[in-house]
N, C-alpha and C. Protein backbone atom coordinates (compact mmCIF):
# COMPACT_ATOMS: atom_id res chain seq x y z
N UNK A 1 -18.43 10.84 -31.14
CA UNK A 1 -18.46 9.41 -31.34
C UNK A 1 -17.04 8.82 -31.28
N UNK A 2 -16.08 9.51 -31.85
CA UNK A 2 -14.73 8.98 -31.86
C UNK A 2 -14.11 8.98 -30.45
N UNK A 3 -14.50 9.92 -29.60
CA UNK A 3 -13.98 9.95 -28.23
C UNK A 3 -14.48 8.73 -27.45
N UNK A 4 -15.73 8.36 -27.61
CA UNK A 4 -16.27 7.19 -26.95
C UNK A 4 -15.57 5.92 -27.44
N UNK A 5 -15.29 5.86 -28.72
CA UNK A 5 -14.58 4.71 -29.27
C UNK A 5 -13.17 4.60 -28.67
N UNK A 6 -12.47 5.71 -28.58
CA UNK A 6 -11.13 5.70 -28.02
C UNK A 6 -11.13 5.32 -26.54
N UNK A 7 -12.12 5.80 -25.81
CA UNK A 7 -12.22 5.43 -24.39
C UNK A 7 -12.48 3.94 -24.23
N UNK A 8 -13.35 3.40 -25.04
CA UNK A 8 -13.64 1.96 -24.97
C UNK A 8 -12.41 1.14 -25.35
N UNK A 9 -11.68 1.60 -26.36
CA UNK A 9 -10.47 0.91 -26.76
C UNK A 9 -9.42 0.96 -25.65
N UNK A 10 -9.30 2.08 -25.00
CA UNK A 10 -8.36 2.22 -23.89
C UNK A 10 -8.73 1.28 -22.74
N UNK A 11 -9.98 1.22 -22.39
CA UNK A 11 -10.44 0.33 -21.31
C UNK A 11 -10.18 -1.12 -21.69
N UNK A 12 -10.43 -1.48 -22.93
CA UNK A 12 -10.18 -2.85 -23.38
C UNK A 12 -8.70 -3.20 -23.28
N UNK A 13 -7.84 -2.29 -23.68
CA UNK A 13 -6.39 -2.54 -23.60
C UNK A 13 -5.94 -2.70 -22.14
N UNK A 14 -6.45 -1.87 -21.26
CA UNK A 14 -6.09 -1.97 -19.85
C UNK A 14 -6.55 -3.31 -19.27
N UNK A 15 -7.74 -3.74 -19.61
CA UNK A 15 -8.24 -5.02 -19.10
C UNK A 15 -7.42 -6.18 -19.63
N UNK A 16 -7.01 -6.12 -20.88
CA UNK A 16 -6.19 -7.19 -21.43
C UNK A 16 -4.82 -7.24 -20.78
N UNK A 17 -4.22 -6.10 -20.51
CA UNK A 17 -2.93 -6.08 -19.85
C UNK A 17 -3.02 -6.63 -18.42
N UNK A 18 -4.08 -6.30 -17.73
CA UNK A 18 -4.26 -6.82 -16.38
C UNK A 18 -4.44 -8.33 -16.40
N UNK A 19 -5.17 -8.82 -17.37
CA UNK A 19 -5.41 -10.26 -17.46
C UNK A 19 -4.11 -11.01 -17.73
N UNK A 20 -3.24 -10.47 -18.55
CA UNK A 20 -1.98 -11.13 -18.84
C UNK A 20 -1.08 -11.16 -17.62
N UNK A 21 -0.96 -10.07 -16.92
CA UNK A 21 -0.11 -10.02 -15.73
C UNK A 21 -0.69 -10.83 -14.59
N UNK A 22 -2.00 -10.90 -14.51
CA UNK A 22 -2.64 -11.63 -13.44
C UNK A 22 -2.36 -13.12 -13.49
N UNK A 23 -2.38 -13.69 -14.68
CA UNK A 23 -2.16 -15.13 -14.81
C UNK A 23 -0.72 -15.50 -14.46
N UNK A 24 0.24 -14.72 -14.93
CA UNK A 24 1.63 -15.01 -14.63
C UNK A 24 1.90 -14.87 -13.14
N UNK A 25 1.31 -13.87 -12.53
CA UNK A 25 1.50 -13.68 -11.09
C UNK A 25 0.87 -14.83 -10.32
N UNK A 26 -0.28 -15.33 -10.77
CA UNK A 26 -0.94 -16.44 -10.10
C UNK A 26 -0.07 -17.69 -10.15
N UNK A 27 0.54 -17.97 -11.30
CA UNK A 27 1.42 -19.13 -11.42
C UNK A 27 2.62 -18.99 -10.49
N UNK A 28 3.17 -17.78 -10.38
CA UNK A 28 4.32 -17.55 -9.52
C UNK A 28 3.94 -17.77 -8.05
N UNK A 29 2.77 -17.30 -7.67
CA UNK A 29 2.32 -17.48 -6.29
C UNK A 29 2.06 -18.95 -5.98
N UNK A 30 1.55 -19.70 -6.94
CA UNK A 30 1.31 -21.12 -6.72
C UNK A 30 2.62 -21.87 -6.50
N UNK A 31 3.66 -21.49 -7.23
CA UNK A 31 4.96 -22.11 -7.05
C UNK A 31 5.52 -21.79 -5.67
N UNK A 32 5.40 -20.54 -5.24
CA UNK A 32 5.92 -20.14 -3.93
C UNK A 32 5.14 -20.78 -2.80
N UNK A 33 3.82 -20.96 -2.99
CA UNK A 33 3.00 -21.53 -1.93
C UNK A 33 3.43 -22.96 -1.62
N UNK A 34 3.84 -23.70 -2.62
CA UNK A 34 4.25 -25.08 -2.41
C UNK A 34 5.53 -25.16 -1.59
N UNK A 35 6.40 -24.18 -1.70
CA UNK A 35 7.67 -24.23 -0.98
C UNK A 35 7.56 -23.69 0.44
N UNK A 36 6.57 -22.88 0.74
CA UNK A 36 6.39 -22.30 2.08
C UNK A 36 5.31 -23.09 2.81
N UNK A 37 5.68 -24.22 3.34
CA UNK A 37 4.68 -25.09 3.96
C UNK A 37 4.56 -24.89 5.46
N UNK A 38 5.55 -24.27 6.08
CA UNK A 38 5.50 -24.06 7.53
C UNK A 38 4.53 -22.94 7.87
N UNK A 39 3.87 -23.07 9.00
CA UNK A 39 2.97 -22.02 9.48
C UNK A 39 3.77 -20.98 10.22
N UNK A 40 3.57 -19.70 9.90
CA UNK A 40 4.33 -18.65 10.59
C UNK A 40 3.76 -18.35 11.97
N UNK A 41 4.63 -17.92 12.85
CA UNK A 41 4.17 -17.44 14.15
C UNK A 41 4.19 -15.91 14.13
N UNK A 42 3.72 -15.30 15.17
CA UNK A 42 3.70 -13.84 15.21
C UNK A 42 5.10 -13.25 15.28
N UNK A 43 6.09 -14.02 15.70
CA UNK A 43 7.46 -13.51 15.74
C UNK A 43 8.04 -13.31 14.35
N UNK A 44 7.52 -14.03 13.35
CA UNK A 44 7.99 -13.87 11.98
C UNK A 44 7.52 -12.55 11.36
N UNK A 45 6.51 -11.93 11.91
CA UNK A 45 5.93 -10.72 11.32
C UNK A 45 6.86 -9.51 11.37
N UNK A 46 7.92 -9.57 12.13
CA UNK A 46 8.86 -8.45 12.19
C UNK A 46 9.95 -8.56 11.14
N UNK A 47 10.07 -9.70 10.49
CA UNK A 47 11.15 -9.96 9.54
C UNK A 47 10.60 -9.93 8.11
N UNK A 48 10.29 -8.74 7.59
CA UNK A 48 9.67 -8.62 6.27
C UNK A 48 10.69 -8.75 5.15
N UNK A 49 10.20 -9.14 3.97
CA UNK A 49 11.03 -9.28 2.77
C UNK A 49 11.25 -7.90 2.14
N UNK A 50 12.21 -7.85 1.23
CA UNK A 50 12.42 -6.62 0.46
C UNK A 50 11.29 -6.48 -0.56
N UNK A 51 11.14 -5.31 -1.18
CA UNK A 51 10.09 -5.14 -2.19
C UNK A 51 10.23 -6.10 -3.37
N UNK A 52 11.42 -6.66 -3.60
CA UNK A 52 11.63 -7.61 -4.69
C UNK A 52 11.50 -9.04 -4.21
N UNK A 53 10.93 -9.24 -3.03
CA UNK A 53 10.72 -10.54 -2.40
C UNK A 53 12.04 -11.30 -2.22
N UNK A 54 13.04 -10.59 -1.73
CA UNK A 54 14.34 -11.18 -1.42
C UNK A 54 14.57 -11.08 0.08
N UNK A 55 15.29 -12.05 0.62
CA UNK A 55 15.65 -12.04 2.03
C UNK A 55 17.15 -11.79 2.18
N UNK A 56 17.52 -11.05 3.21
CA UNK A 56 18.93 -10.71 3.39
C UNK A 56 19.71 -11.83 4.08
N UNK A 57 19.07 -12.59 4.94
CA UNK A 57 19.75 -13.66 5.65
C UNK A 57 19.81 -14.92 4.80
N UNK A 58 20.85 -15.73 5.02
CA UNK A 58 20.97 -17.00 4.32
C UNK A 58 19.98 -18.01 4.90
N UNK A 59 19.63 -19.00 4.12
CA UNK A 59 18.71 -20.08 4.51
C UNK A 59 17.33 -19.56 4.89
N UNK A 60 16.92 -18.46 4.28
CA UNK A 60 15.57 -17.94 4.46
C UNK A 60 14.95 -17.69 3.10
N UNK A 61 13.63 -17.72 3.05
CA UNK A 61 12.94 -17.42 1.81
C UNK A 61 11.71 -16.58 2.10
N UNK A 62 11.27 -15.84 1.12
CA UNK A 62 10.13 -14.94 1.28
C UNK A 62 8.84 -15.73 1.12
N UNK A 63 7.98 -15.68 2.12
CA UNK A 63 6.71 -16.40 2.11
C UNK A 63 5.56 -15.43 2.37
N UNK A 64 4.45 -15.67 1.73
CA UNK A 64 3.27 -14.85 1.93
C UNK A 64 2.51 -15.36 3.15
N UNK A 65 2.25 -14.47 4.12
CA UNK A 65 1.58 -14.87 5.36
C UNK A 65 0.45 -13.90 5.67
N UNK A 66 -0.19 -14.10 6.80
CA UNK A 66 -1.31 -13.25 7.21
C UNK A 66 -0.86 -11.84 7.55
N UNK A 67 0.44 -11.64 7.80
CA UNK A 67 0.94 -10.30 8.13
C UNK A 67 1.81 -9.73 7.02
N UNK A 68 1.69 -10.24 5.81
CA UNK A 68 2.46 -9.75 4.67
C UNK A 68 3.52 -10.76 4.26
N UNK A 69 4.44 -10.34 3.42
CA UNK A 69 5.53 -11.20 2.98
C UNK A 69 6.66 -11.13 3.99
N UNK A 70 7.00 -12.27 4.57
CA UNK A 70 8.04 -12.33 5.59
C UNK A 70 9.09 -13.37 5.21
N UNK A 71 10.29 -13.20 5.76
CA UNK A 71 11.37 -14.16 5.54
C UNK A 71 11.25 -15.27 6.60
N UNK A 72 11.23 -16.52 6.12
CA UNK A 72 11.14 -17.66 7.02
C UNK A 72 12.30 -18.60 6.77
N UNK A 73 12.73 -19.30 7.82
CA UNK A 73 13.82 -20.27 7.69
C UNK A 73 13.36 -21.45 6.84
N UNK A 74 14.26 -21.94 6.00
CA UNK A 74 13.90 -23.09 5.17
C UNK A 74 14.42 -24.38 5.77
N UNK A 75 15.19 -24.29 6.85
CA UNK A 75 15.72 -25.50 7.49
C UNK A 75 14.81 -26.04 8.54
């Protein structure tokens, strides 16, 4: 009986942690979506962002597109 209780408690904790991270990530994506208003072309798909969503070139920002996160010009 105690093993089932511990498993249920573990599952509950995991679900709560996912829910907390999910909301913060959603807010972050909503903020980024407003700034990336240009539509990407297929040529942008070769210029991917770093794993930390940073771009190496100046005047570019990381935007979520149909081919992943890519660096796009902000000018």
